Amino acid sequence: NGGDWADTWRAKGWPVDNTPEVGAMAHFYAGAPGASATYG
């Protein structure tokens, strides 16, 4: 699910941080404002 992507991205060794970049995936955890409470 969308809320799971950050963990999987890290497992691949790809960069995850808090710096916005055009083309980067914008990840929302489950329950984050503007996201599904169940799926992110």
All heavy atoms as atom14 arrays in JSON, in Angstrom:
{
  "sequence": "NGGDWADTWRAKGWPVDNTPEVGAMAHFYAGAPGASATYG",
  "atom14_mask": [
    [1, 1, 1, 1, 1, 1, 1, 1, 0, 0, 0, 0, 0, 0],
    [1, 1, 1, 1, 0, 0, 0, 0, 0, 0, 0, 0, 0, 0],
    [1, 1, 1, 1, 0, 0, 0, 0, 0, 0, 0, 0, 0, 0],
    [1, 1, 1, 1, 1, 1, 1, 1, 0, 0, 0, 0, 0, 0],
    [1, 1, 1, 1, 1, 1, 1, 1, 1, 1, 1, 1, 1, 1],
    [1, 1, 1, 1, 1, 0, 0, 0, 0, 0, 0, 0, 0, 0],
    [1, 1, 1, 1, 1, 1, 1, 1, 0, 0, 0, 0, 0, 0],
    [1, 1, 1, 1, 1, 1, 1, 0, 0, 0, 0, 0, 0, 0],
    [1, 1, 1, 1, 1, 1, 1, 1, 1, 1, 1, 1, 1, 1],
    [1, 1, 1, 1, 1, 1, 1, 1, 1, 1, 1, 0, 0, 0],
    [1, 1, 1, 1, 1, 0, 0, 0, 0, 0, 0, 0, 0, 0],
    [1, 1, 1, 1, 1, 1, 1, 1, 1, 0, 0, 0, 0, 0],
    [1, 1, 1, 1, 0, 0, 0, 0, 0, 0, 0, 0, 0, 0],
    [1, 1, 1, 1, 1, 1, 1, 1, 1, 1, 1, 1, 1, 1],
    [1, 1, 1, 1, 1, 1, 1, 0, 0, 0, 0, 0, 0, 0],
    [1, 1, 1, 1, 1, 1, 1, 0, 0, 0, 0, 0, 0, 0],
    [1, 1, 1, 1, 1, 1, 1, 1, 0, 0, 0, 0, 0, 0],
    [1, 1, 1, 1, 1, 1, 1, 1, 0, 0, 0, 0, 0, 0],
    [1, 1, 1, 1, 1, 1, 1, 0, 0, 0, 0, 0, 0, 0],
    [1, 1, 1, 1, 1, 1, 1, 0, 0, 0, 0, 0, 0, 0],
    [1, 1, 1, 1, 1, 1, 1, 1, 1, 0, 0, 0, 0, 0],
    [1, 1, 1, 1, 1, 1, 1, 0, 0, 0, 0, 0, 0, 0],
    [1, 1, 1, 1, 0, 0, 0, 0, 0, 0, 0, 0, 0, 0],
    [1, 1, 1, 1, 1, 0, 0, 0, 0, 0, 0, 0, 0, 0],
    [1, 1, 1, 1, 1, 1, 1, 1, 0, 0, 0, 0, 0, 0],
    [1, 1, 1, 1, 1, 0, 0, 0, 0, 0, 0, 0, 0, 0],
    [1, 1, 1, 1, 1, 1, 1, 1, 1, 1, 0, 0, 0, 0],
    [1, 1, 1, 1, 1, 1, 1, 1, 1, 1, 1, 0, 0, 0],
    [1, 1, 1, 1, 1, 1, 1, 1, 1, 1, 1, 1, 0, 0],
    [1, 1, 1, 1, 1, 0, 0, 0, 0, 0, 0, 0, 0, 0],
    [1, 1, 1, 1, 0, 0, 0, 0, 0, 0, 0, 0, 0, 0],
    [1, 1, 1, 1, 1, 0, 0, 0, 0, 0, 0, 0, 0, 0],
    [1, 1, 1, 1, 1, 1, 1, 0, 0, 0, 0, 0, 0, 0],
    [1, 1, 1, 1, 0, 0, 0, 0, 0, 0, 0, 0, 0, 0],
    [1, 1, 1, 1, 1, 0, 0, 0, 0, 0, 0, 0, 0, 0],
    [1, 1, 1, 1, 1, 1, 0, 0, 0, 0, 0, 0, 0, 0],
    [1, 1, 1, 1, 1, 0, 0, 0, 0, 0, 0, 0, 0, 0],
    [1, 1, 1, 1, 1, 1, 1, 0, 0, 0, 0, 0, 0, 0],
    [1, 1, 1, 1, 1, 1, 1, 1, 1, 1, 1, 1, 0, 0],
    [1, 1, 1, 1, 0, 0, 0, 0, 0, 0, 0, 0, 0, 0]
  ],
  "atom14_positions": [
    [[0.83, -1.2, 0.0], [0.0, 0.0, 0.0], [0.86, 1.25, 0.0], [2.06, 1.2, 0.3], [-0.92, 0.0, 1.22], [-1.88, -1.16, 1.23], [-2.5, -1.49, 0.21], [-2.04, -1.82, 2.38], [0.0, 0.0, 0.0], [0.0, 0.0, 0.0], [0.0, 0.0, 0.0], [0.0, 0.0, 0.0], [0.0, 0.0, 0.0], [0.0, 0.0, 0.0]],
    [[0.26, 2.38, -0.28], [1.02, 3.62, -0.33], [1.81, 3.9, 0.93], [2.96, 4.35, 0.9], [0.0, 0.0, 0.0], [0.0, 0.0, 0.0], [0.0, 0.0, 0.0], [0.0, 0.0, 0.0], [0.0, 0.0, 0.0], [0.0, 0.0, 0.0], [0.0, 0.0, 0.0], [0.0, 0.0, 0.0], [0.0, 0.0, 0.0], [0.0, 0.0, 0.0]],
    [[1.21, 3.63, 2.08], [1.88, 3.87, 3.36], [3.05, 2.96, 3.64], [3.82, 3.21, 4.56], [0.0, 0.0, 0.0], [0.0, 0.0, 0.0], [0.0, 0.0, 0.0], [0.0, 0.0, 0.0], [0.0, 0.0, 0.0], [0.0, 0.0, 0.0], [0.0, 0.0, 0.0], [0.0, 0.0, 0.0], [0.0, 0.0, 0.0], [0.0, 0.0, 0.0]],
    [[3.2, 1.87, 2.83], [4.28, 0.91, 3.02], [5.52, 1.23, 2.19], [6.58, 0.62, 2.4], [3.81, -0.5, 2.66], [2.61, -0.96, 3.46], [2.52, -0.58, 4.65], [1.75, -1.69, 2.9], [0.0, 0.0, 0.0], [0.0, 0.0, 0.0], [0.0, 0.0, 0.0], [0.0, 0.0, 0.0], [0.0, 0.0, 0.0], [0.0, 0.0, 0.0]],
    [[5.39, 2.14, 1.25], [6.46, 2.34, 0.27], [7.78, 2.8, 0.89], [8.85, 2.4, 0.38], [6.0, 3.34, -0.81], [5.21, 2.7, -1.92], [4.24, 1.75, -1.79], [5.29, 3.0, -3.31], [3.71, 1.42, -3.01], [4.35, 2.19, -3.98], [6.05, 3.87, -4.08], [4.16, 2.21, -5.35], [5.88, 3.91, -5.46], [4.93, 3.08, -6.08]],
    [[7.76, 3.6, 1.91], [9.01, 4.1, 2.49], [9.87, 2.95, 3.02], [11.09, 2.91, 2.8], [8.74, 5.11, 3.6], [0.0, 0.0, 0.0], [0.0, 0.0, 0.0], [0.0, 0.0, 0.0], [0.0, 0.0, 0.0], [0.0, 0.0, 0.0], [0.0, 0.0, 0.0], [0.0, 0.0, 0.0], [0.0, 0.0, 0.0], [0.0, 0.0, 0.0]],
    [[9.24, 2.0, 3.71], [9.99, 0.87, 4.25], [10.58, 0.01, 3.14], [11.72, -0.44, 3.22], [9.08, 0.02, 5.15], [8.74, 0.68, 6.46], [9.42, 1.67, 6.81], [7.79, 0.23, 7.13], [0.0, 0.0, 0.0], [0.0, 0.0, 0.0], [0.0, 0.0, 0.0], [0.0, 0.0, 0.0], [0.0, 0.0, 0.0], [0.0, 0.0, 0.0]],
    [[9.8, -0.22, 2.09], [10.28, -1.03, 0.98], [11.39, -0.29, 0.22], [12.36, -0.9, -0.23], [9.12, -1.38, 0.04], [7.98, -1.77, 0.78], [9.51, -2.51, -0.89], [0.0, 0.0, 0.0], [0.0, 0.0, 0.0], [0.0, 0.0, 0.0], [0.0, 0.0, 0.0], [0.0, 0.0, 0.0], [0.0, 0.0, 0.0], [0.0, 0.0, 0.0]],
    [[11.24, 1.01, 0.08], [12.25, 1.84, -0.59], [13.58, 1.74, 0.16], [14.65, 1.58, -0.45], [11.76, 3.29, -0.61], [12.18, 4.1, -1.78], [13.29, 4.9, -1.86], [11.49, 4.27, -3.04], [13.33, 5.54, -3.07], [12.24, 5.17, -3.82], [10.34, 3.73, -3.57], [11.85, 5.55, -5.11], [9.94, 4.1, -4.85], [10.69, 5.0, -5.6]],
    [[13.53, 1.82, 1.49], [14.74, 1.68, 2.3], [15.35, 0.29, 2.16], [16.58, 0.14, 2.11], [14.45, 1.96, 3.77], [14.11, 3.39, 4.11], [14.11, 3.61, 5.62], [13.65, 4.95, 5.97], [12.4, 5.24, 6.24], [11.46, 4.3, 6.2], [12.05, 6.48, 6.55], [0.0, 0.0, 0.0], [0.0, 0.0, 0.0], [0.0, 0.0, 0.0]],
    [[14.49, -0.73, 2.11], [14.98, -2.1, 1.97], [15.77, -2.28, 0.68], [16.67, -3.11, 0.61], [13.81, -3.08, 2.03], [0.0, 0.0, 0.0], [0.0, 0.0, 0.0], [0.0, 0.0, 0.0], [0.0, 0.0, 0.0], [0.0, 0.0, 0.0], [0.0, 0.0, 0.0], [0.0, 0.0, 0.0], [0.0, 0.0, 0.0], [0.0, 0.0, 0.0]],
    [[15.44, -1.51, -0.33], [16.17, -1.56, -1.59], [17.46, -0.74, -1.52], [18.32, -0.87, -2.38], [15.28, -1.03, -2.73], [15.84, -1.3, -4.14], [14.83, -0.88, -5.2], [15.39, -1.13, -6.61], [15.59, -2.6, -6.87], [0.0, 0.0, 0.0], [0.0, 0.0, 0.0], [0.0, 0.0, 0.0], [0.0, 0.0, 0.0], [0.0, 0.0, 0.0]],
    [[17.6, 0.08, -0.48], [18.78, 0.92, -0.34], [18.67, 2.25, -1.05], [19.68, 2.94, -1.26], [0.0, 0.0, 0.0], [0.0, 0.0, 0.0], [0.0, 0.0, 0.0], [0.0, 0.0, 0.0], [0.0, 0.0, 0.0], [0.0, 0.0, 0.0], [0.0, 0.0, 0.0], [0.0, 0.0, 0.0], [0.0, 0.0, 0.0], [0.0, 0.0, 0.0]],
    [[17.45, 2.63, -1.46], [17.25, 3.91, -2.14], [17.0, 5.02, -1.12], [16.52, 4.76, -0.02], [16.08, 3.8, -3.11], [16.42, 3.06, -4.38], [17.53, 2.3, -4.62], [15.63, 3.01, -5.57], [17.49, 1.79, -5.88], [16.32, 2.22, -6.5], [14.41, 3.57, -5.95], [15.83, 1.96, -7.77], [13.92, 3.32, -7.23], [14.64, 2.52, -8.13]],
    [[17.29, 6.28, -1.5], [17.24, 7.37, -0.52], [15.82, 7.71, -0.05], [14.89, 7.83, -0.87], [17.85, 8.56, -1.27], [18.53, 7.98, -2.45], [17.83, 6.71, -2.81], [0.0, 0.0, 0.0], [0.0, 0.0, 0.0], [0.0, 0.0, 0.0], [0.0, 0.0, 0.0], [0.0, 0.0, 0.0], [0.0, 0.0, 0.0], [0.0, 0.0, 0.0]],
    [[15.69, 7.88, 1.24], [14.46, 8.33, 1.88], [14.82, 9.44, 2.84], [15.65, 9.25, 3.72], [13.76, 7.19, 2.65], [12.49, 7.7, 3.35], [13.44, 6.02, 1.74], [0.0, 0.0, 0.0], [0.0, 0.0, 0.0], [0.0, 0.0, 0.0], [0.0, 0.0, 0.0], [0.0, 0.0, 0.0], [0.0, 0.0, 0.0], [0.0, 0.0, 0.0]],
    [[14.22, 10.63, 2.67], [14.51, 11.72, 3.57], [13.36, 12.7, 3.59], [12.24, 12.37, 3.16], [15.84, 12.42, 3.2], [15.87, 13.0, 1.79], [14.78, 13.31, 1.24], [16.98, 13.17, 1.23], [0.0, 0.0, 0.0], [0.0, 0.0, 0.0], [0.0, 0.0, 0.0], [0.0, 0.0, 0.0], [0.0, 0.0, 0.0], [0.0, 0.0, 0.0]],
    [[13.61, 13.9, 4.09], [12.56, 14.92, 4.19], [12.81, 16.1, 3.25], [12.34, 17.21, 3.49], [12.44, 15.42, 5.63], [12.08, 14.3, 6.59], [12.85, 13.95, 7.48], [10.91, 13.69, 6.4], [0.0, 0.0, 0.0], [0.0, 0.0, 0.0], [0.0, 0.0, 0.0], [0.0, 0.0, 0.0], [0.0, 0.0, 0.0], [0.0, 0.0, 0.0]],
    [[13.57, 15.85, 2.17], [13.9, 16.9, 1.21], [13.08, 16.72, -0.06], [13.21, 15.71, -0.76], [15.4, 16.85, 0.86], [16.18, 16.96, 2.05], [15.76, 17.97, -0.1], [0.0, 0.0, 0.0], [0.0, 0.0, 0.0], [0.0, 0.0, 0.0], [0.0, 0.0, 0.0], [0.0, 0.0, 0.0], [0.0, 0.0, 0.0], [0.0, 0.0, 0.0]],
    [[12.21, 17.68, -0.42], [11.39, 17.53, -1.62], [12.22, 17.65, -2.89], [13.21, 18.38, -2.94], [10.38, 18.68, -1.5], [11.05, 19.7, -0.64], [11.91, 18.93, 0.32], [0.0, 0.0, 0.0], [0.0, 0.0, 0.0], [0.0, 0.0, 0.0], [0.0, 0.0, 0.0], [0.0, 0.0, 0.0], [0.0, 0.0, 0.0], [0.0, 0.0, 0.0]],
    [[11.81, 16.94, -3.92], [12.49, 16.93, -5.2], [11.48, 16.57, -6.28], [10.65, 15.66, -6.09], [13.63, 15.91, -5.2], [14.25, 15.65, -6.55], [14.92, 14.28, -6.68], [14.58, 13.36, -5.94], [15.79, 14.16, -7.55], [0.0, 0.0, 0.0], [0.0, 0.0, 0.0], [0.0, 0.0, 0.0], [0.0, 0.0, 0.0], [0.0, 0.0, 0.0]],
    [[11.49, 17.28, -7.39], [10.6, 16.95, -8.5], [10.86, 15.51, -8.94], [11.99, 15.09, -9.12], [10.81, 17.92, -9.68], [10.0, 17.45, -10.89], [10.42, 19.33, -9.3], [0.0, 0.0, 0.0], [0.0, 0.0, 0.0], [0.0, 0.0, 0.0], [0.0, 0.0, 0.0], [0.0, 0.0, 0.0], [0.0, 0.0, 0.0], [0.0, 0.0, 0.0]],
    [[9.77, 14.74, -9.09], [9.89, 13.36, -9.51], [9.98, 12.37, -8.36], [9.8, 11.16, -8.56], [0.0, 0.0, 0.0], [0.0, 0.0, 0.0], [0.0, 0.0, 0.0], [0.0, 0.0, 0.0], [0.0, 0.0, 0.0], [0.0, 0.0, 0.0], [0.0, 0.0, 0.0], [0.0, 0.0, 0.0], [0.0, 0.0, 0.0], [0.0, 0.0, 0.0]],
    [[10.28, 12.86, -7.16], [10.34, 11.98, -5.99], [8.93, 11.54, -5.6], [7.94, 12.23, -5.86], [11.01, 12.68, -4.82], [0.0, 0.0, 0.0], [0.0, 0.0, 0.0], [0.0, 0.0, 0.0], [0.0, 0.0, 0.0], [0.0, 0.0, 0.0], [0.0, 0.0, 0.0], [0.0, 0.0, 0.0], [0.0, 0.0, 0.0], [0.0, 0.0, 0.0]],
    [[8.83, 10.37, -4.99], [7.54, 9.93, -4.47], [7.23, 10.67, -3.18], [8.1, 10.79, -2.3], [7.56, 8.42, -4.19], [7.97, 7.55, -5.38], [6.83, 7.65, -6.77], [7.95, 8.19, -8.09], [0.0, 0.0, 0.0], [0.0, 0.0, 0.0], [0.0, 0.0, 0.0], [0.0, 0.0, 0.0], [0.0, 0.0, 0.0], [0.0, 0.0, 0.0]],
    [[6.04, 11.19, -3.07], [5.58, 11.85, -1.84], [4.84, 10.8, -1.02], [3.75, 10.35, -1.38], [4.67, 13.03, -2.17], [0.0, 0.0, 0.0], [0.0, 0.0, 0.0], [0.0, 0.0, 0.0], [0.0, 0.0, 0.0], [0.0, 0.0, 0.0], [0.0, 0.0, 0.0], [0.0, 0.0, 0.0], [0.0, 0.0, 0.0], [0.0, 0.0, 0.0]],
    [[5.44, 10.39, 0.08], [4.94, 9.26, 0.87], [4.19, 9.74, 2.11], [4.67, 10.6, 2.85], [6.12, 8.36, 1.28], [5.79, 7.37, 2.35], [6.25, 7.5, 3.64], [5.04, 6.25, 2.32], [5.8, 6.5, 4.36], [5.07, 5.72, 3.59], [0.0, 0.0, 0.0], [0.0, 0.0, 0.0], [0.0, 0.0, 0.0], [0.0, 0.0, 0.0]],
    [[3.0, 9.17, 2.33], [2.18, 9.47, 3.51], [1.96, 8.16, 4.29], [1.47, 7.18, 3.73], [0.81, 10.01, 3.12], [0.81, 11.32, 2.36], [1.15, 11.35, 1.01], [0.45, 12.5, 2.99], [1.12, 12.54, 0.3], [0.43, 13.7, 2.28], [0.77, 13.72, 0.93], [0.0, 0.0, 0.0], [0.0, 0.0, 0.0], [0.0, 0.0, 0.0]],
    [[2.31, 8.19, 5.57], [1.99, 7.04, 6.4], [0.48, 6.91, 6.59], [-0.25, 7.91, 6.44], [2.65, 7.16, 7.77], [4.12, 6.81, 7.8], [5.07, 7.75, 8.16], [4.54, 5.51, 7.48], [6.42, 7.42, 8.21], [5.89, 5.18, 7.52], [6.81, 6.14, 7.88], [8.14, 5.8, 7.92], [0.0, 0.0, 0.0], [0.0, 0.0, 0.0]],
    [[0.01, 5.72, 6.92], [-1.4, 5.53, 7.24], [-1.8, 6.47, 8.38], [-1.13, 6.53, 9.4], [-1.66, 4.07, 7.64], [0.0, 0.0, 0.0], [0.0, 0.0, 0.0], [0.0, 0.0, 0.0], [0.0, 0.0, 0.0], [0.0, 0.0, 0.0], [0.0, 0.0, 0.0], [0.0, 0.0, 0.0], [0.0, 0.0, 0.0], [0.0, 0.0, 0.0]],
    [[-2.87, 7.2, 8.19], [-3.35, 8.12, 9.22], [-2.77, 9.51, 9.14], [-3.22, 10.41, 9.87], [0.0, 0.0, 0.0], [0.0, 0.0, 0.0], [0.0, 0.0, 0.0], [0.0, 0.0, 0.0], [0.0, 0.0, 0.0], [0.0, 0.0, 0.0], [0.0, 0.0, 0.0], [0.0, 0.0, 0.0], [0.0, 0.0, 0.0], [0.0, 0.0, 0.0]],
    [[-1.78, 9.74, 8.27], [-1.22, 11.08, 8.12], [-2.28, 12.01, 7.5], [-3.13, 11.55, 6.74], [0.03, 11.06, 7.25], [0.0, 0.0, 0.0], [0.0, 0.0, 0.0], [0.0, 0.0, 0.0], [0.0, 0.0, 0.0], [0.0, 0.0, 0.0], [0.0, 0.0, 0.0], [0.0, 0.0, 0.0], [0.0, 0.0, 0.0], [0.0, 0.0, 0.0]],
    [[-2.24, 13.31, 7.82], [-3.21, 14.24, 7.24], [-3.2, 14.17, 5.71], [-2.14, 14.2, 5.09], [-2.73, 15.6, 7.74], [-1.98, 15.3, 9.0], [-1.32, 13.98, 8.77], [0.0, 0.0, 0.0], [0.0, 0.0, 0.0], [0.0, 0.0, 0.0], [0.0, 0.0, 0.0], [0.0, 0.0, 0.0], [0.0, 0.0, 0.0], [0.0, 0.0, 0.0]],
    [[-4.38, 14.03, 5.12], [-4.47, 13.96, 3.68], [-4.27, 12.57, 3.1], [-4.13, 12.42, 1.89], [0.0, 0.0, 0.0], [0.0, 0.0, 0.0], [0.0, 0.0, 0.0], [0.0, 0.0, 0.0], [0.0, 0.0, 0.0], [0.0, 0.0, 0.0], [0.0, 0.0, 0.0], [0.0, 0.0, 0.0], [0.0, 0.0, 0.0], [0.0, 0.0, 0.0]],
    [[-4.26, 11.54, 3.99], [-4.05, 10.17, 3.54], [-5.05, 9.24, 4.21], [-5.67, 9.59, 5.23], [-2.63, 9.71, 3.84], [0.0, 0.0, 0.0], [0.0, 0.0, 0.0], [0.0, 0.0, 0.0], [0.0, 0.0, 0.0], [0.0, 0.0, 0.0], [0.0, 0.0, 0.0], [0.0, 0.0, 0.0], [0.0, 0.0, 0.0], [0.0, 0.0, 0.0]],
    [[-5.22, 8.06, 3.64], [-6.09, 7.06, 4.21], [-5.58, 6.62, 5.58], [-4.37, 6.41, 5.77], [-6.17, 5.84, 3.29], [-6.72, 4.72, 3.96], [0.0, 0.0, 0.0], [0.0, 0.0, 0.0], [0.0, 0.0, 0.0], [0.0, 0.0, 0.0], [0.0, 0.0, 0.0], [0.0, 0.0, 0.0], [0.0, 0.0, 0.0], [0.0, 0.0, 0.0]],
    [[-6.51, 6.48, 6.52], [-6.13, 6.04, 7.86], [-5.68, 4.59, 7.87], [-4.97, 4.15, 8.78], [-7.3, 6.22, 8.83], [0.0, 0.0, 0.0], [0.0, 0.0, 0.0], [0.0, 0.0, 0.0], [0.0, 0.0, 0.0], [0.0, 0.0, 0.0], [0.0, 0.0, 0.0], [0.0, 0.0, 0.0], [0.0, 0.0, 0.0], [0.0, 0.0, 0.0]],
    [[-6.07, 3.84, 6.86], [-5.74, 2.41, 6.78], [-4.57, 2.13, 5.85], [-3.66, 1.36, 6.18], [-6.96, 1.61, 6.31], [-8.06, 1.87, 7.17], [-6.64, 0.11, 6.3], [0.0, 0.0, 0.0], [0.0, 0.0, 0.0], [0.0, 0.0, 0.0], [0.0, 0.0, 0.0], [0.0, 0.0, 0.0], [0.0, 0.0, 0.0], [0.0, 0.0, 0.0]],
    [[-4.56, 2.76, 4.67], [-3.61, 2.4, 3.63], [-2.49, 3.41, 3.41], [-1.53, 3.12, 2.7], [-4.35, 2.18, 2.31], [-5.47, 1.16, 2.4], [-6.8, 1.55, 2.33], [-5.18, -0.18, 2.6], [-7.82, 0.63, 2.42], [-6.2, -1.12, 2.7], [-7.52, -0.71, 2.62], [-8.53, -1.64, 2.72], [0.0, 0.0, 0.0], [0.0, 0.0, 0.0]],
    [[-2.59, 4.6, 4.0], [-1.62, 5.62, 3.68], [-1.85, 6.14, 2.27], [-2.94, 5.99, 1.69], [0.0, 0.0, 0.0], [0.0, 0.0, 0.0], [0.0, 0.0, 0.0], [0.0, 0.0, 0.0], [0.0, 0.0, 0.0], [0.0, 0.0, 0.0], [0.0, 0.0, 0.0], [0.0, 0.0, 0.0], [0.0, 0.0, 0.0], [0.0, 0.0, 0.0]]
  ]
}
